[in-house]
């Protein structure tokens, strides 16, 4: 099964520079960025069958990833408008 890559740079390629800048200069963004990628790695490991999980746990991870992505995107848009 091919697992989709949800790396933040793939999700928002047009924000590549802003992502890098915020990672280096905004501790909150950096913390959320790291959490997003930790959750994404867990989802991909489960989807690749490298890790066993219940459907409920996988769904909760996907929801958490989506919430983090939304929060990160909001931060990226604010920087772009500034």
C-alpha atoms as a PDB file:
ATOM      1  CA  UNK A   1       0.000   0.000   0.000  1.00  0.00           C
ATOM      2  CA  UNK A   2       1.306   3.426  -0.903  1.00  0.00           C
ATOM      3  CA  UNK A   3       1.103   5.839   2.017  1.00  0.00           C
ATOM      4  CA  UNK A   4       0.667   9.513   1.242  1.00  0.00           C
ATOM      5  CA  UNK A   5       3.423  11.797   2.506  1.00  0.00           C
ATOM      6  CA  UNK A   6       1.952  14.539   4.709  1.00  0.00           C
ATOM      7  CA  UNK A   7       5.255  16.272   5.451  1.00  0.00           C
ATOM      8  CA  UNK A   8       4.444  19.948   6.021  1.00  0.00           C
ATOM      9  CA  UNK A   9       6.673  21.048   3.132  1.00  0.00           C
ATOM     10  CA  UNK A  10       4.657  18.746   0.836  1.00  0.00           C
ATOM     11  CA  UNK A  11       1.363  20.020   2.198  1.00  0.00           C
ATOM     12  CA  UNK A  12       2.305  23.705   1.792  1.00  0.00           C
ATOM     13  CA  UNK A  13       5.158  23.979  -0.740  1.00  0.00           C
ATOM     14  CA  UNK A  14       4.377  27.655  -1.326  1.00  0.00           C
ATOM     15  CA  UNK A  15       5.239  28.341   2.344  1.00  0.00           C
ATOM     16  CA  UNK A  16       8.652  26.670   2.295  1.00  0.00           C
ATOM     17  CA  UNK A  17      10.546  29.816   3.342  1.00  0.00           C
ATOM     18  CA  UNK A  18       7.992  30.789   5.979  1.00  0.00           C
ATOM     19  CA  UNK A  19       8.083  27.282   7.467  1.00  0.00           C
ATOM     20  CA  UNK A  20      11.850  27.432   7.752  1.00  0.00           C
ATOM     21  CA  UNK A  21      11.800  30.942   9.218  1.00  0.00           C
ATOM     22  CA  UNK A  22       9.136  30.112  11.799  1.00  0.00           C
ATOM     23  CA  UNK A  23      10.874  26.866  12.767  1.00  0.00           C
ATOM     24  CA  UNK A  24      14.031  28.837  13.496  1.00  0.00           C
ATOM     25  CA  UNK A  25      12.447  31.868  15.186  1.00  0.00           C
ATOM     26  CA  UNK A  26       9.132  30.868  16.780  1.00  0.00           C
ATOM     27  CA  UNK A  27       9.313  28.326  19.598  1.00  0.00           C
ATOM     28  CA  UNK A  28       5.578  27.649  19.575  1.00  0.00           C
ATOM     29  CA  UNK A  29       5.570  26.986  15.818  1.00  0.00           C
ATOM     30  CA  UNK A  30       8.621  24.768  16.173  1.00  0.00           C
ATOM     31  CA  UNK A  31       6.964  22.753  18.958  1.00  0.00           C
ATOM     32  CA  UNK A  32       3.784  22.282  16.904  1.00  0.00           C
ATOM     33  CA  UNK A  33       5.843  21.450  13.817  1.00  0.00           C
ATOM     34  CA  UNK A  34       7.706  18.727  15.718  1.00  0.00           C
ATOM     35  CA  UNK A  35       4.485  17.330  17.182  1.00  0.00           C
ATOM     36  CA  UNK A  36       2.848  17.339  13.735  1.00  0.00           C
ATOM     37  CA  UNK A  37       5.693  15.294  12.288  1.00  0.00           C
ATOM     38  CA  UNK A  38       5.750  12.898  15.237  1.00  0.00           C
ATOM     39  CA  UNK A  39       2.027  12.237  14.816  1.00  0.00           C
ATOM     40  CA  UNK A  40       2.415  11.961  11.042  1.00  0.00           C
ATOM     41  CA  UNK A  41       5.212   9.383  11.438  1.00  0.00           C
ATOM     42  CA  UNK A  42       2.991   7.346  13.753  1.00  0.00           C
ATOM     43  CA  UNK A  43       0.133   7.430  11.251  1.00  0.00           C
ATOM     44  CA  UNK A  44       2.421   6.382   8.402  1.00  0.00           C
ATOM     45  CA  UNK A  45       3.923   3.521  10.447  1.00  0.00           C
ATOM     46  CA  UNK A  46       0.438   2.207  11.206  1.00  0.00           C
ATOM     47  CA  UNK A  47      -0.680   2.582   7.600  1.00  0.00           C
ATOM     48  CA  UNK A  48       2.493   0.815   6.410  1.00  0.00           C
ATOM     49  CA  UNK A  49       1.678  -2.039   8.806  1.00  0.00           C
ATOM     50  CA  UNK A  50       4.971  -1.450  10.620  1.00  0.00           C
ATOM     51  CA  UNK A  51       3.019  -0.790  13.803  1.00  0.00           C
ATOM     52  CA  UNK A  52      -0.221  -2.301  15.085  1.00  0.00           C
ATOM     53  CA  UNK A  53      -3.032  -0.060  16.256  1.00  0.00           C
ATOM     54  CA  UNK A  54      -6.770  -0.021  16.676  1.00  0.00           C
ATOM     55  CA  UNK A  55      -8.858   1.839  14.144  1.00  0.00           C
ATOM     56  CA  UNK A  56      -9.933   4.246  16.879  1.00  0.00           C
ATOM     57  CA  UNK A  57      -6.349   5.082  17.773  1.00  0.00           C
ATOM     58  CA  UNK A  58      -5.415   5.630  14.129  1.00  0.00           C
ATOM     59  CA  UNK A  59      -8.440   7.868  13.657  1.00  0.00           C
ATOM     60  CA  UNK A  60      -7.539   9.928  16.745  1.00  0.00           C
ATOM     61  CA  UNK A  61      -3.995  10.369  15.419  1.00  0.00           C
ATOM     62  CA  UNK A  62      -5.326  11.528  12.060  1.00  0.00           C
ATOM     63  CA  UNK A  63      -7.640  14.016  13.764  1.00  0.00           C
ATOM     64  CA  UNK A  64      -4.759  15.336  15.885  1.00  0.00           C
ATOM     65  CA  UNK A  65      -2.601  15.667  12.749  1.00  0.00           C
ATOM     66  CA  UNK A  66      -5.369  17.624  11.036  1.00  0.00           C
ATOM     67  CA  UNK A  67      -5.789  19.986  14.008  1.00  0.00           C
ATOM     68  CA  UNK A  68      -2.043  20.597  14.146  1.00  0.00           C
ATOM     69  CA  UNK A  69      -1.925  21.188  10.395  1.00  0.00           C
ATOM     70  CA  UNK A  70      -4.758  23.720  10.660  1.00  0.00           C
ATOM     71  CA  UNK A  71      -3.029  25.558  13.496  1.00  0.00           C
ATOM     72  CA  UNK A  72       0.298  25.609  11.644  1.00  0.00           C
ATOM     73  CA  UNK A  73      -1.398  26.825   8.462  1.00  0.00           C
ATOM     74  CA  UNK A  74      -3.075  29.648  10.388  1.00  0.00           C
ATOM     75  CA  UNK A  75       0.314  30.711  11.714  1.00  0.00           C
ATOM     76  CA  UNK A  76       1.818  30.571   8.223  1.00  0.00           C
ATOM     77  CA  UNK A  77      -0.961  32.746   6.793  1.00  0.00           C
ATOM     78  CA  UNK A  78      -0.462  35.333   9.544  1.00  0.00           C
ATOM     79  CA  UNK A  79       3.240  35.603   8.716  1.00  0.00           C
ATOM     80  CA  UNK A  80       2.483  35.926   5.015  1.00  0.00           C
ATOM     81  CA  UNK A  81       0.028  38.782   5.656  1.00  0.00           C
ATOM     82  CA  UNK A  82       2.415  40.644   7.974  1.00  0.00           C
END
